């Protein structure tokens, strides 16, 4: 968690929910094409600015026998995916 969550926050995600077994982070952004359409087809193109792109990442923590399991779900930047993948390699025996 200490390596993945700060990277998500740095990428523009915000903490939406923080429970004892799960953390939910969300990012809302505007696709680049919306700006182009709003300029080219002004003033009607301004409607394109209402289009947003939502991304959500859920990090769940559980127990499986004597081990702690961490599951990631959602869409995350490449650097965050690499950090999450490295966690699995660092702690396997």
N, C-alpha and C. Protein backbone atom coordinates (compact mmCIF):
# COMPACT_ATOMS: atom_id res chain seq x y z
N UNK A 1 0.82 -1.18 0.00
CA UNK A 1 0.00 0.00 0.00
C UNK A 1 0.88 1.26 0.00
N UNK A 2 1.97 1.20 0.72
CA UNK A 2 2.83 2.39 0.81
C UNK A 2 3.50 2.73 -0.50
N UNK A 3 3.61 1.78 -1.41
CA UNK A 3 4.25 2.07 -2.69
C UNK A 3 3.24 2.36 -3.79
N UNK A 4 2.05 1.81 -3.70
CA UNK A 4 1.07 1.93 -4.77
C UNK A 4 0.18 3.16 -4.61
N UNK A 5 -0.37 3.37 -3.42
CA UNK A 5 -1.32 4.47 -3.21
C UNK A 5 -0.68 5.84 -3.47
N UNK A 6 0.53 6.12 -3.00
CA UNK A 6 1.13 7.43 -3.32
C UNK A 6 1.29 7.67 -4.82
N UNK A 7 1.58 6.61 -5.58
CA UNK A 7 1.69 6.76 -7.03
C UNK A 7 0.34 7.08 -7.66
N UNK A 8 -0.71 6.46 -7.15
CA UNK A 8 -2.04 6.78 -7.66
C UNK A 8 -2.42 8.22 -7.32
N UNK A 9 -2.14 8.66 -6.12
CA UNK A 9 -2.43 10.04 -5.73
C UNK A 9 -1.65 11.02 -6.59
N UNK A 10 -0.39 10.70 -6.89
CA UNK A 10 0.44 11.56 -7.73
C UNK A 10 -0.08 11.60 -9.17
N UNK A 11 -0.79 10.56 -9.59
CA UNK A 11 -1.34 10.49 -10.95
C UNK A 11 -2.70 11.17 -11.06
N UNK A 12 -3.16 11.78 -9.98
CA UNK A 12 -4.43 12.51 -10.03
C UNK A 12 -5.62 11.77 -9.44
N UNK A 13 -5.41 10.58 -8.92
CA UNK A 13 -6.50 9.85 -8.28
C UNK A 13 -6.77 10.47 -6.92
N UNK A 14 -8.03 10.39 -6.47
CA UNK A 14 -8.37 10.88 -5.13
C UNK A 14 -8.98 9.73 -4.33
N UNK A 15 -8.74 9.77 -3.06
CA UNK A 15 -9.25 8.72 -2.17
C UNK A 15 -10.75 8.90 -2.03
N UNK A 16 -11.49 7.88 -2.43
CA UNK A 16 -12.95 7.95 -2.37
C UNK A 16 -13.49 7.19 -1.17
N UNK A 17 -12.86 6.07 -0.84
CA UNK A 17 -13.32 5.25 0.27
C UNK A 17 -12.12 4.55 0.89
N UNK A 18 -12.09 4.53 2.21
CA UNK A 18 -10.99 3.89 2.92
C UNK A 18 -11.58 3.05 4.04
N UNK A 19 -11.73 1.76 3.79
CA UNK A 19 -12.30 0.87 4.79
C UNK A 19 -11.25 -0.05 5.36
N UNK A 20 -11.65 -0.91 6.29
CA UNK A 20 -10.68 -1.82 6.92
C UNK A 20 -10.14 -2.88 5.96
N UNK A 21 -10.88 -3.21 4.91
CA UNK A 21 -10.46 -4.26 3.98
C UNK A 21 -10.30 -3.80 2.53
N UNK A 22 -10.64 -2.54 2.24
CA UNK A 22 -10.54 -2.07 0.86
C UNK A 22 -10.32 -0.56 0.80
N UNK A 23 -9.61 -0.15 -0.23
CA UNK A 23 -9.38 1.26 -0.53
C UNK A 23 -9.85 1.50 -1.95
N UNK A 24 -10.63 2.55 -2.15
CA UNK A 24 -11.13 2.89 -3.48
C UNK A 24 -10.60 4.27 -3.86
N UNK A 25 -9.95 4.34 -5.02
CA UNK A 25 -9.44 5.61 -5.54
C UNK A 25 -10.07 5.86 -6.89
N UNK A 26 -10.38 7.13 -7.19
CA UNK A 26 -11.07 7.49 -8.43
C UNK A 26 -10.40 8.70 -9.06
N UNK A 27 -10.41 8.70 -10.38
CA UNK A 27 -9.86 9.83 -11.15
C UNK A 27 -10.85 10.19 -12.24
N UNK A 28 -11.16 11.47 -12.36
CA UNK A 28 -12.02 11.97 -13.42
C UNK A 28 -11.19 12.91 -14.28
N UNK A 29 -11.20 12.68 -15.58
CA UNK A 29 -10.43 13.53 -16.49
C UNK A 29 -11.25 13.83 -17.73
N UNK A 30 -10.79 14.78 -18.49
CA UNK A 30 -11.47 15.16 -19.73
C UNK A 30 -10.62 14.69 -20.91
N UNK A 31 -11.18 13.90 -21.82
CA UNK A 31 -10.42 13.44 -22.98
C UNK A 31 -9.96 14.63 -23.84
N UNK A 32 -8.81 14.48 -24.46
CA UNK A 32 -8.23 15.56 -25.26
C UNK A 32 -9.09 15.98 -26.44
N UNK A 33 -9.83 15.04 -27.01
CA UNK A 33 -10.65 15.38 -28.17
C UNK A 33 -11.73 16.38 -27.83
N UNK A 34 -12.17 16.45 -26.56
CA UNK A 34 -13.24 17.37 -26.19
C UNK A 34 -12.81 18.82 -26.36
N UNK A 35 -11.57 19.12 -26.07
CA UNK A 35 -11.07 20.48 -26.21
C UNK A 35 -11.01 20.87 -27.68
N UNK A 36 -10.53 19.95 -28.51
CA UNK A 36 -10.45 20.21 -29.94
C UNK A 36 -11.83 20.48 -30.53
N UNK A 37 -12.80 19.64 -30.18
CA UNK A 37 -14.16 19.80 -30.69
C UNK A 37 -14.77 21.12 -30.21
N UNK A 38 -14.53 21.48 -28.95
CA UNK A 38 -15.10 22.71 -28.41
C UNK A 38 -14.55 23.95 -29.11
N UNK A 39 -13.28 23.90 -29.54
CA UNK A 39 -12.68 25.03 -30.25
C UNK A 39 -13.14 25.07 -31.71
N UNK A 40 -13.12 23.92 -32.38
CA UNK A 40 -13.47 23.88 -33.79
C UNK A 40 -14.95 24.18 -34.07
N UNK A 41 -15.81 23.79 -33.16
CA UNK A 41 -17.24 23.94 -33.39
C UNK A 41 -17.89 24.88 -32.38
N UNK A 42 -17.13 25.89 -31.96
CA UNK A 42 -17.64 26.87 -31.00
C UNK A 42 -18.86 27.57 -31.58
N UNK A 43 -19.88 27.86 -30.87
CA UNK A 43 -20.13 27.64 -29.46
C UNK A 43 -20.79 26.29 -29.15
N UNK A 44 -21.31 25.62 -30.19
CA UNK A 44 -22.00 24.34 -29.95
C UNK A 44 -21.04 23.25 -29.48
N UNK A 45 -19.80 23.38 -29.86
CA UNK A 45 -18.80 22.40 -29.45
C UNK A 45 -18.53 22.39 -27.95
N UNK A 46 -18.98 23.44 -27.25
CA UNK A 46 -18.78 23.48 -25.80
C UNK A 46 -19.50 22.33 -25.09
N UNK A 47 -20.50 21.78 -25.74
CA UNK A 47 -21.18 20.61 -25.17
C UNK A 47 -20.23 19.43 -25.01
N UNK A 48 -19.21 19.36 -25.86
CA UNK A 48 -18.24 18.26 -25.77
C UNK A 48 -17.50 18.29 -24.44
N UNK A 49 -17.38 19.48 -23.83
CA UNK A 49 -16.66 19.59 -22.55
C UNK A 49 -17.40 18.90 -21.40
N UNK A 50 -18.64 18.52 -21.63
CA UNK A 50 -19.36 17.79 -20.58
C UNK A 50 -18.95 16.32 -20.52
N UNK A 51 -18.21 15.86 -21.52
CA UNK A 51 -17.74 14.46 -21.56
C UNK A 51 -16.57 14.29 -20.60
N UNK A 52 -16.65 13.31 -19.71
CA UNK A 52 -15.55 13.00 -18.79
C UNK A 52 -15.23 11.52 -18.86
N UNK A 53 -14.03 11.20 -18.44
CA UNK A 53 -13.55 9.82 -18.42
C UNK A 53 -13.25 9.46 -16.97
N UNK A 54 -13.95 8.47 -16.42
CA UNK A 54 -13.76 8.06 -15.03
C UNK A 54 -12.93 6.79 -14.95
N UNK A 55 -11.97 6.79 -14.03
CA UNK A 55 -11.17 5.60 -13.75
C UNK A 55 -11.26 5.32 -12.26
N UNK A 56 -11.32 4.05 -11.93
CA UNK A 56 -11.41 3.65 -10.52
C UNK A 56 -10.47 2.49 -10.26
N UNK A 57 -9.80 2.53 -9.13
CA UNK A 57 -8.93 1.44 -8.70
C UNK A 57 -9.39 1.02 -7.31
N UNK A 58 -9.59 -0.28 -7.13
CA UNK A 58 -9.98 -0.84 -5.84
C UNK A 58 -8.86 -1.76 -5.38
N UNK A 59 -8.38 -1.53 -4.17
CA UNK A 59 -7.34 -2.38 -3.57
C UNK A 59 -7.99 -3.08 -2.38
N UNK A 60 -8.08 -4.40 -2.47
CA UNK A 60 -8.72 -5.20 -1.42
C UNK A 60 -7.67 -6.02 -0.69
N UNK A 61 -7.85 -6.14 0.61
CA UNK A 61 -6.93 -6.91 1.45
C UNK A 61 -7.72 -8.01 2.15
N UNK A 62 -7.19 -9.23 2.14
CA UNK A 62 -7.88 -10.34 2.79
C UNK A 62 -6.89 -11.34 3.36
N UNK A 63 -7.43 -12.32 4.04
CA UNK A 63 -6.63 -13.39 4.62
C UNK A 63 -6.96 -14.68 3.90
N UNK A 64 -5.93 -15.43 3.57
CA UNK A 64 -6.10 -16.73 2.93
C UNK A 64 -5.21 -17.70 3.69
N UNK A 65 -5.82 -18.39 4.64
CA UNK A 65 -5.02 -19.27 5.50
C UNK A 65 -4.13 -18.41 6.38
N UNK A 66 -2.83 -18.63 6.30
CA UNK A 66 -1.89 -17.85 7.09
C UNK A 66 -1.27 -16.71 6.31
N UNK A 67 -1.76 -16.43 5.13
CA UNK A 67 -1.18 -15.40 4.29
C UNK A 67 -2.14 -14.24 4.09
N UNK A 68 -1.58 -13.08 3.86
CA UNK A 68 -2.37 -11.90 3.52
C UNK A 68 -2.39 -11.76 2.00
N UNK A 69 -3.57 -11.58 1.44
CA UNK A 69 -3.69 -11.41 -0.01
C UNK A 69 -4.11 -9.97 -0.32
N UNK A 70 -3.56 -9.44 -1.38
CA UNK A 70 -3.91 -8.11 -1.85
C UNK A 70 -4.35 -8.24 -3.30
N UNK A 71 -5.53 -7.71 -3.61
CA UNK A 71 -6.07 -7.77 -4.97
C UNK A 71 -6.29 -6.36 -5.49
N UNK A 72 -5.91 -6.14 -6.74
CA UNK A 72 -6.09 -4.86 -7.40
C UNK A 72 -7.10 -5.03 -8.52
N UNK A 73 -8.01 -4.08 -8.65
CA UNK A 73 -8.98 -4.09 -9.75
C UNK A 73 -9.16 -2.67 -10.25
N UNK A 74 -9.27 -2.53 -11.57
CA UNK A 74 -9.50 -1.21 -12.15
C UNK A 74 -8.44 -0.84 -13.16
N UNK A 75 -8.45 0.43 -13.53
CA UNK A 75 -7.54 0.98 -14.53
C UNK A 75 -6.54 1.90 -13.84
N UNK A 76 -5.26 1.62 -14.01
CA UNK A 76 -4.22 2.41 -13.35
C UNK A 76 -3.10 2.71 -14.34
N UNK A 77 -2.34 3.79 -14.10
CA UNK A 77 -1.19 4.10 -14.96
C UNK A 77 -0.14 3.00 -14.92
N UNK A 78 0.70 2.96 -15.94
CA UNK A 78 1.72 1.92 -16.06
C UNK A 78 2.64 1.86 -14.85
N UNK A 79 3.08 2.98 -14.33
CA UNK A 79 3.97 2.99 -13.17
C UNK A 79 3.35 2.34 -11.95
N UNK A 80 2.07 2.54 -11.77
CA UNK A 80 1.35 1.93 -10.64
C UNK A 80 1.21 0.44 -10.86
N UNK A 81 0.92 0.02 -12.09
CA UNK A 81 0.81 -1.42 -12.37
C UNK A 81 2.14 -2.12 -12.15
N UNK A 82 3.23 -1.46 -12.53
CA UNK A 82 4.55 -2.06 -12.31
C UNK A 82 4.86 -2.19 -10.82
N UNK A 83 4.50 -1.17 -10.04
CA UNK A 83 4.74 -1.22 -8.59
C UNK A 83 3.92 -2.33 -7.95
N UNK A 84 2.68 -2.50 -8.38
CA UNK A 84 1.83 -3.56 -7.84
C UNK A 84 2.37 -4.93 -8.24
N UNK A 85 2.84 -5.05 -9.46
CA UNK A 85 3.41 -6.32 -9.92
C UNK A 85 4.69 -6.64 -9.15
N UNK A 86 5.48 -5.62 -8.85
CA UNK A 86 6.73 -5.82 -8.10
C UNK A 86 6.44 -6.29 -6.68
N UNK A 87 5.33 -5.88 -6.11
CA UNK A 87 4.98 -6.35 -4.77
C UNK A 87 4.83 -7.86 -4.73
N UNK A 88 4.23 -8.43 -5.75
CA UNK A 88 4.05 -9.87 -5.82
C UNK A 88 5.37 -10.60 -5.97
N UNK A 89 6.31 -10.02 -6.70
CA UNK A 89 7.61 -10.67 -6.89
C UNK A 89 8.48 -10.54 -5.65
N UNK A 90 8.36 -9.43 -4.92
CA UNK A 90 9.23 -9.19 -3.76
C UNK A 90 8.94 -10.14 -2.60
N UNK A 91 7.69 -10.60 -2.48
CA UNK A 91 7.31 -11.35 -1.29
C UNK A 91 6.97 -12.81 -1.55
N UNK A 92 7.30 -13.31 -2.72
CA UNK A 92 7.04 -14.73 -2.96
C UNK A 92 8.27 -15.53 -2.57
N UNK A 93 8.05 -16.75 -2.13
CA UNK A 93 9.20 -17.57 -1.75
C UNK A 93 9.40 -18.75 -2.67
